[in-house]
Amino acid sequence: AVGHGIEAANLSALAINTYRWSRR
């Protein structure tokens, strides 16, 4: 995810959870 800190963590968490939701 672009950037650093909590914003980047939230952004990559959104990517992972969307990935799992669609995959499942």
PDB file of all heavy atoms in Angstrom:
ATOM      1  N   ALA A   1       0.833  -1.198   0.000  1.00  0.00           N
ATOM      2  CA  ALA A   1       0.000   0.000   0.000  1.00  0.00           C
ATOM      3  C   ALA A   1       0.867   1.247   0.000  1.00  0.00           C
ATOM      4  O   ALA A   1       1.925   1.293   0.634  1.00  0.00           O
ATOM      5  CB  ALA A   1      -0.918   0.000   1.218  1.00  0.00           C
ATOM      6  N   VAL A   2       0.398   2.275  -0.694  1.00  0.00           N
ATOM      7  CA  VAL A   2       1.138   3.530  -0.763  1.00  0.00           C
ATOM      8  C   VAL A   2       1.197   4.179   0.613  1.00  0.00           C
ATOM      9  O   VAL A   2       0.282   4.042   1.429  1.00  0.00           O
ATOM     10  CB  VAL A   2       0.476   4.496  -1.779  1.00  0.00           C
ATOM     11  CG1 VAL A   2      -0.911   4.922  -1.304  1.00  0.00           C
ATOM     12  CG2 VAL A   2       1.351   5.724  -2.017  1.00  0.00           C
ATOM     13  N   GLY A   3       2.305   4.880   0.870  1.00  0.00           N
ATOM     14  CA  GLY A   3       2.423   5.617   2.112  1.00  0.00           C
ATOM     15  C   GLY A   3       2.963   4.778   3.256  1.00  0.00           C
ATOM     16  O   GLY A   3       3.467   3.663   3.069  1.00  0.00           O
ATOM     17  N   HIS A   4       2.813   5.323   4.461  1.00  0.00           N
ATOM     18  CA  HIS A   4       3.317   4.672   5.657  1.00  0.00           C
ATOM     19  C   HIS A   4       2.295   4.837   6.778  1.00  0.00           C
ATOM     20  O   HIS A   4       1.314   5.556   6.656  1.00  0.00           O
ATOM     21  CB  HIS A   4       4.663   5.284   6.076  1.00  0.00           C
ATOM     22  CG  HIS A   4       5.735   5.169   5.033  1.00  0.00           C
ATOM     23  ND1 HIS A   4       6.470   4.028   4.839  1.00  0.00           N
ATOM     24  CD2 HIS A   4       6.168   6.060   4.104  1.00  0.00           C
ATOM     25  CE1 HIS A   4       7.329   4.218   3.849  1.00  0.00           C
ATOM     26  NE2 HIS A   4       7.162   5.442   3.383  1.00  0.00           N
ATOM     27  N   GLY A   5       2.561   4.152   7.891  1.00  0.00           N
ATOM     28  CA  GLY A   5       1.732   4.334   9.066  1.00  0.00           C
ATOM     29  C   GLY A   5       0.373   3.670   8.965  1.00  0.00           C
ATOM     30  O   GLY A   5       0.140   2.760   8.165  1.00  0.00           O
ATOM     31  N   ILE A   6      -0.552   4.154   9.791  1.00  0.00           N
ATOM     32  CA  ILE A   6      -1.849   3.513   9.928  1.00  0.00           C
ATOM     33  C   ILE A   6      -2.663   3.595   8.644  1.00  0.00           C
ATOM     34  O   ILE A   6      -3.442   2.693   8.338  1.00  0.00           O
ATOM     35  CB  ILE A   6      -2.630   4.140  11.116  1.00  0.00           C
ATOM     36  CG1 ILE A   6      -3.821   3.264  11.488  1.00  0.00           C
ATOM     37  CG2 ILE A   6      -3.039   5.574  10.812  1.00  0.00           C
ATOM     38  CD1 ILE A   6      -3.449   1.902  12.021  1.00  0.00           C
ATOM     39  N   GLU A   7      -2.490   4.657   7.845  1.00  0.00           N
ATOM     40  CA  GLU A   7      -3.234   4.755   6.591  1.00  0.00           C
ATOM     41  C   GLU A   7      -2.833   3.636   5.639  1.00  0.00           C
ATOM     42  O   GLU A   7      -3.695   3.007   4.997  1.00  0.00           O
ATOM     43  CB  GLU A   7      -2.994   6.123   5.931  1.00  0.00           C
ATOM     44  CG  GLU A   7      -3.559   7.312   6.688  1.00  0.00           C
ATOM     45  CD  GLU A   7      -2.626   7.785   7.796  1.00  0.00           C
ATOM     46  OE1 GLU A   7      -1.499   7.222   7.916  1.00  0.00           O
ATOM     47  OE2 GLU A   7      -3.019   8.695   8.539  1.00  0.00           O
ATOM     48  N   ALA A   8      -1.543   3.367   5.543  1.00  0.00           N
ATOM     49  CA  ALA A   8      -1.081   2.278   4.676  1.00  0.00           C
ATOM     50  C   ALA A   8      -1.549   0.926   5.195  1.00  0.00           C
ATOM     51  O   ALA A   8      -1.937   0.049   4.419  1.00  0.00           O
ATOM     52  CB  ALA A   8       0.441   2.307   4.569  1.00  0.00           C
ATOM     53  N   ALA A   9      -1.527   0.740   6.530  1.00  0.00           N
ATOM     54  CA  ALA A   9      -1.982  -0.523   7.113  1.00  0.00           C
ATOM     55  C   ALA A   9      -3.460  -0.758   6.812  1.00  0.00           C
ATOM     56  O   ALA A   9      -3.867  -1.861   6.437  1.00  0.00           O
ATOM     57  CB  ALA A   9      -1.746  -0.522   8.624  1.00  0.00           C
ATOM     58  N   ASN A  10      -4.280   0.268   6.976  1.00  0.00           N
ATOM     59  CA  ASN A  10      -5.712   0.132   6.686  1.00  0.00           C
ATOM     60  C   ASN A  10      -5.957  -0.144   5.213  1.00  0.00           C
ATOM     61  O   ASN A  10      -6.852  -0.911   4.849  1.00  0.00           O
ATOM     62  CB  ASN A  10      -6.452   1.401   7.120  1.00  0.00           C
ATOM     63  CG  ASN A  10      -6.579   1.518   8.626  1.00  0.00           C
ATOM     64  OD1 ASN A  10      -6.522   0.524   9.341  1.00  0.00           O
ATOM     65  ND2 ASN A  10      -6.739   2.744   9.109  1.00  0.00           N
ATOM     66  N   LEU A  11      -5.166   0.489   4.351  1.00  0.00           N
ATOM     67  CA  LEU A  11      -5.338   0.301   2.913  1.00  0.00           C
ATOM     68  C   LEU A  11      -5.019  -1.122   2.496  1.00  0.00           C
ATOM     69  O   LEU A  11      -5.760  -1.753   1.731  1.00  0.00           O
ATOM     70  CB  LEU A  11      -4.443   1.297   2.176  1.00  0.00           C
ATOM     71  CG  LEU A  11      -4.741   1.571   0.704  1.00  0.00           C
ATOM     72  CD1 LEU A  11      -6.176   2.038   0.506  1.00  0.00           C
ATOM     73  CD2 LEU A  11      -3.754   2.618   0.168  1.00  0.00           C
ATOM     74  N   SER A  12      -3.918  -1.665   2.996  1.00  0.00           N
ATOM     75  CA  SER A  12      -3.570  -3.046   2.630  1.00  0.00           C
ATOM     76  C   SER A  12      -4.527  -4.048   3.275  1.00  0.00           C
ATOM     77  O   SER A  12      -4.827  -5.102   2.696  1.00  0.00           O
ATOM     78  CB  SER A  12      -2.128  -3.361   3.007  1.00  0.00           C
ATOM     79  OG  SER A  12      -1.929  -3.266   4.394  1.00  0.00           O
ATOM     80  N   ALA A  13      -5.055  -3.720   4.486  1.00  0.00           N
ATOM     81  CA  ALA A  13      -6.052  -4.591   5.100  1.00  0.00           C
ATOM     82  C   ALA A  13      -7.328  -4.623   4.257  1.00  0.00           C
ATOM     83  O   ALA A  13      -7.969  -5.674   4.116  1.00  0.00           O
ATOM     84  CB  ALA A  13      -6.369  -4.114   6.514  1.00  0.00           C
ATOM     85  N   LEU A  14      -7.702  -3.477   3.678  1.00  0.00           N
ATOM     86  CA  LEU A  14      -8.856  -3.433   2.779  1.00  0.00           C
ATOM     87  C   LEU A  14      -8.596  -4.303   1.548  1.00  0.00           C
ATOM     88  O   LEU A  14      -9.487  -5.049   1.102  1.00  0.00           O
ATOM     89  CB  LEU A  14      -9.129  -1.992   2.360  1.00  0.00           C
ATOM     90  CG  LEU A  14     -10.214  -1.781   1.300  1.00  0.00           C
ATOM     91  CD1 LEU A  14     -11.568  -2.282   1.786  1.00  0.00           C
ATOM     92  CD2 LEU A  14     -10.284  -0.297   0.896  1.00  0.00           C
ATOM     93  N   ALA A  15      -7.386  -4.247   1.012  1.00  0.00           N
ATOM     94  CA  ALA A  15      -7.044  -5.059  -0.159  1.00  0.00           C
ATOM     95  C   ALA A  15      -7.147  -6.552   0.159  1.00  0.00           C
ATOM     96  O   ALA A  15      -7.728  -7.332  -0.607  1.00  0.00           O
ATOM     97  CB  ALA A  15      -5.640  -4.717  -0.636  1.00  0.00           C
ATOM     98  N   ILE A  16      -6.581  -6.971   1.303  1.00  0.00           N
ATOM     99  CA  ILE A  16      -6.611  -8.385   1.676  1.00  0.00           C
ATOM    100  C   ILE A  16      -8.036  -8.866   1.898  1.00  0.00           C
ATOM    101  O   ILE A  16      -8.431  -9.947   1.427  1.00  0.00           O
ATOM    102  CB  ILE A  16      -5.762  -8.634   2.933  1.00  0.00           C
ATOM    103  CG1 ILE A  16      -4.290  -8.707   2.568  1.00  0.00           C
ATOM    104  CG2 ILE A  16      -6.161  -9.925   3.630  1.00  0.00           C
ATOM    105  CD1 ILE A  16      -3.399  -9.137   3.697  1.00  0.00           C
ATOM    106  N   ASN A  17      -8.827  -8.094   2.618  1.00  0.00           N
ATOM    107  CA  ASN A  17     -10.190  -8.544   2.910  1.00  0.00           C
ATOM    108  C   ASN A  17     -11.063  -8.584   1.670  1.00  0.00           C
ATOM    109  O   ASN A  17     -11.913  -9.472   1.529  1.00  0.00           O
ATOM    110  CB  ASN A  17     -10.809  -7.658   3.999  1.00  0.00           C
ATOM    111  CG  ASN A  17     -10.331  -8.037   5.384  1.00  0.00           C
ATOM    112  OD1 ASN A  17     -10.566  -9.137   5.859  1.00  0.00           O
ATOM    113  ND2 ASN A  17      -9.622  -7.132   6.045  1.00  0.00           N
ATOM    114  N   THR A  18     -10.852  -7.662   0.743  1.00  0.00           N
ATOM    115  CA  THR A  18     -11.578  -7.731  -0.531  1.00  0.00           C
ATOM    116  C   THR A  18     -11.125  -8.940  -1.330  1.00  0.00           C
ATOM    117  O   THR A  18     -11.940  -9.627  -1.954  1.00  0.00           O
ATOM    118  CB  THR A  18     -11.353  -6.441  -1.337  1.00  0.00           C
ATOM    119  OG1 THR A  18     -11.716  -5.305  -0.563  1.00  0.00           O
ATOM    120  CG2 THR A  18     -12.185  -6.457  -2.615  1.00  0.00           C
ATOM    121  N   TYR A  19      -9.840  -9.194  -1.319  1.00  0.00           N
ATOM    122  CA  TYR A  19      -9.293 -10.370  -2.004  1.00  0.00           C
ATOM    123  C   TYR A  19      -9.933 -11.651  -1.475  1.00  0.00           C
ATOM    124  O   TYR A  19     -10.398 -12.501  -2.249  1.00  0.00           O
ATOM    125  CB  TYR A  19      -7.779 -10.379  -1.798  1.00  0.00           C
ATOM    126  CG  TYR A  19      -7.039 -11.559  -2.392  1.00  0.00           C
ATOM    127  CD1 TYR A  19      -7.177 -11.903  -3.729  1.00  0.00           C
ATOM    128  CD2 TYR A  19      -6.162 -12.311  -1.603  1.00  0.00           C
ATOM    129  CE1 TYR A  19      -6.473 -12.967  -4.277  1.00  0.00           C
ATOM    130  CE2 TYR A  19      -5.447 -13.367  -2.137  1.00  0.00           C
ATOM    131  CZ  TYR A  19      -5.616 -13.692  -3.472  1.00  0.00           C
ATOM    132  OH  TYR A  19      -4.916 -14.749  -4.002  1.00  0.00           O
ATOM    133  N   ARG A  20      -9.998 -11.786  -0.165  1.00  0.00           N
ATOM    134  CA  ARG A  20     -10.597 -12.988   0.425  1.00  0.00           C
ATOM    135  C   ARG A  20     -12.093 -13.075   0.129  1.00  0.00           C
ATOM    136  O   ARG A  20     -12.615 -14.147  -0.180  1.00  0.00           O
ATOM    137  CB  ARG A  20     -10.355 -12.981   1.933  1.00  0.00           C
ATOM    138  CG  ARG A  20      -8.910 -13.194   2.316  1.00  0.00           C
ATOM    139  CD  ARG A  20      -8.683 -12.975   3.800  1.00  0.00           C
ATOM    140  NE  ARG A  20      -7.280 -13.223   4.155  1.00  0.00           N
ATOM    141  CZ  ARG A  20      -6.720 -12.879   5.300  1.00  0.00           C
ATOM    142  NH1 ARG A  20      -7.446 -12.251   6.232  1.00  0.00           N
ATOM    143  NH2 ARG A  20      -5.453 -13.133   5.538  1.00  0.00           N
ATOM    144  N   TRP A  21     -12.779 -11.950   0.241  1.00  0.00           N
ATOM    145  CA  TRP A  21     -14.230 -11.933  -0.008  1.00  0.00           C
ATOM    146  C   TRP A  21     -14.540 -12.399  -1.415  1.00  0.00           C
ATOM    147  O   TRP A  21     -15.401 -13.257  -1.626  1.00  0.00           O
ATOM    148  CB  TRP A  21     -14.760 -10.512   0.230  1.00  0.00           C
ATOM    149  CG  TRP A  21     -16.159 -10.273  -0.243  1.00  0.00           C
ATOM    150  CD1 TRP A  21     -17.313 -10.685   0.355  1.00  0.00           C
ATOM    151  CD2 TRP A  21     -16.537  -9.551  -1.409  1.00  0.00           C
ATOM    152  NE1 TRP A  21     -18.404 -10.271  -0.374  1.00  0.00           N
ATOM    153  CE2 TRP A  21     -17.956  -9.568  -1.456  1.00  0.00           C
ATOM    154  CE3 TRP A  21     -15.832  -8.880  -2.419  1.00  0.00           C
ATOM    155  CZ2 TRP A  21     -18.678  -8.949  -2.484  1.00  0.00           C
ATOM    156  CZ3 TRP A  21     -16.531  -8.263  -3.431  1.00  0.00           C
ATOM    157  CH2 TRP A  21     -17.935  -8.303  -3.461  1.00  0.00           C
ATOM    158  N   SER A  22     -13.832 -11.863  -2.402  1.00  0.00           N
ATOM    159  CA  SER A  22     -14.082 -12.240  -3.795  1.00  0.00           C
ATOM    160  C   SER A  22     -13.654 -13.677  -4.065  1.00  0.00           C
ATOM    161  O   SER A  22     -14.370 -14.442  -4.721  1.00  0.00           O
ATOM    162  CB  SER A  22     -13.341 -11.279  -4.724  1.00  0.00           C
ATOM    163  OG  SER A  22     -13.547 -11.617  -6.076  1.00  0.00           O
ATOM    164  N   ARG A  23     -12.497 -14.048  -3.542  1.00  0.00           N
ATOM    165  CA  ARG A  23     -11.969 -15.399  -3.753  1.00  0.00           C
ATOM    166  C   ARG A  23     -12.911 -16.457  -3.182  1.00  0.00           C
ATOM    167  O   ARG A  23     -13.157 -17.505  -3.803  1.00  0.00           O
ATOM    168  CB  ARG A  23     -10.596 -15.481  -3.102  1.00  0.00           C
ATOM    169  CG  ARG A  23      -9.804 -16.736  -3.399  1.00  0.00           C
ATOM    170  CD  ARG A  23      -8.523 -16.728  -2.601  1.00  0.00           C
ATOM    171  NE  ARG A  23      -8.784 -16.847  -1.159  1.00  0.00           N
ATOM    172  CZ  ARG A  23      -8.076 -16.248  -0.221  1.00  0.00           C
ATOM    173  NH1 ARG A  23      -7.073 -15.450  -0.526  1.00  0.00           N
ATOM    174  NH2 ARG A  23      -8.377 -16.429   1.061  1.00  0.00           N
ATOM    175  N   ARG A  24     -13.442 -16.205  -2.002  1.00  0.00           N
ATOM    176  CA  ARG A  24     -14.315 -17.177  -1.358  1.00  0.00           C
ATOM    177  C   ARG A  24     -15.684 -17.267  -2.011  1.00  0.00           C
ATOM    178  O   ARG A  24     -16.420 -18.236  -1.770  1.00  0.00           O
ATOM    179  CB  ARG A  24     -14.446 -16.828   0.129  1.00  0.00           C
ATOM    180  CG  ARG A  24     -13.145 -17.072   0.898  1.00  0.00           C
ATOM    181  CD  ARG A  24     -13.124 -16.395   2.259  1.00  0.00           C
ATOM    182  NE  ARG A  24     -11.845 -16.608   2.931  1.00  0.00           N
ATOM    183  CZ  ARG A  24     -11.461 -15.995   4.054  1.00  0.00           C
ATOM    184  NH1 ARG A  24     -12.283 -15.111   4.631  1.00  0.00           N
ATOM    185  NH2 ARG A  24     -10.285 -16.246   4.594  1.00  0.00           N
TER     186      ARG A  24
END
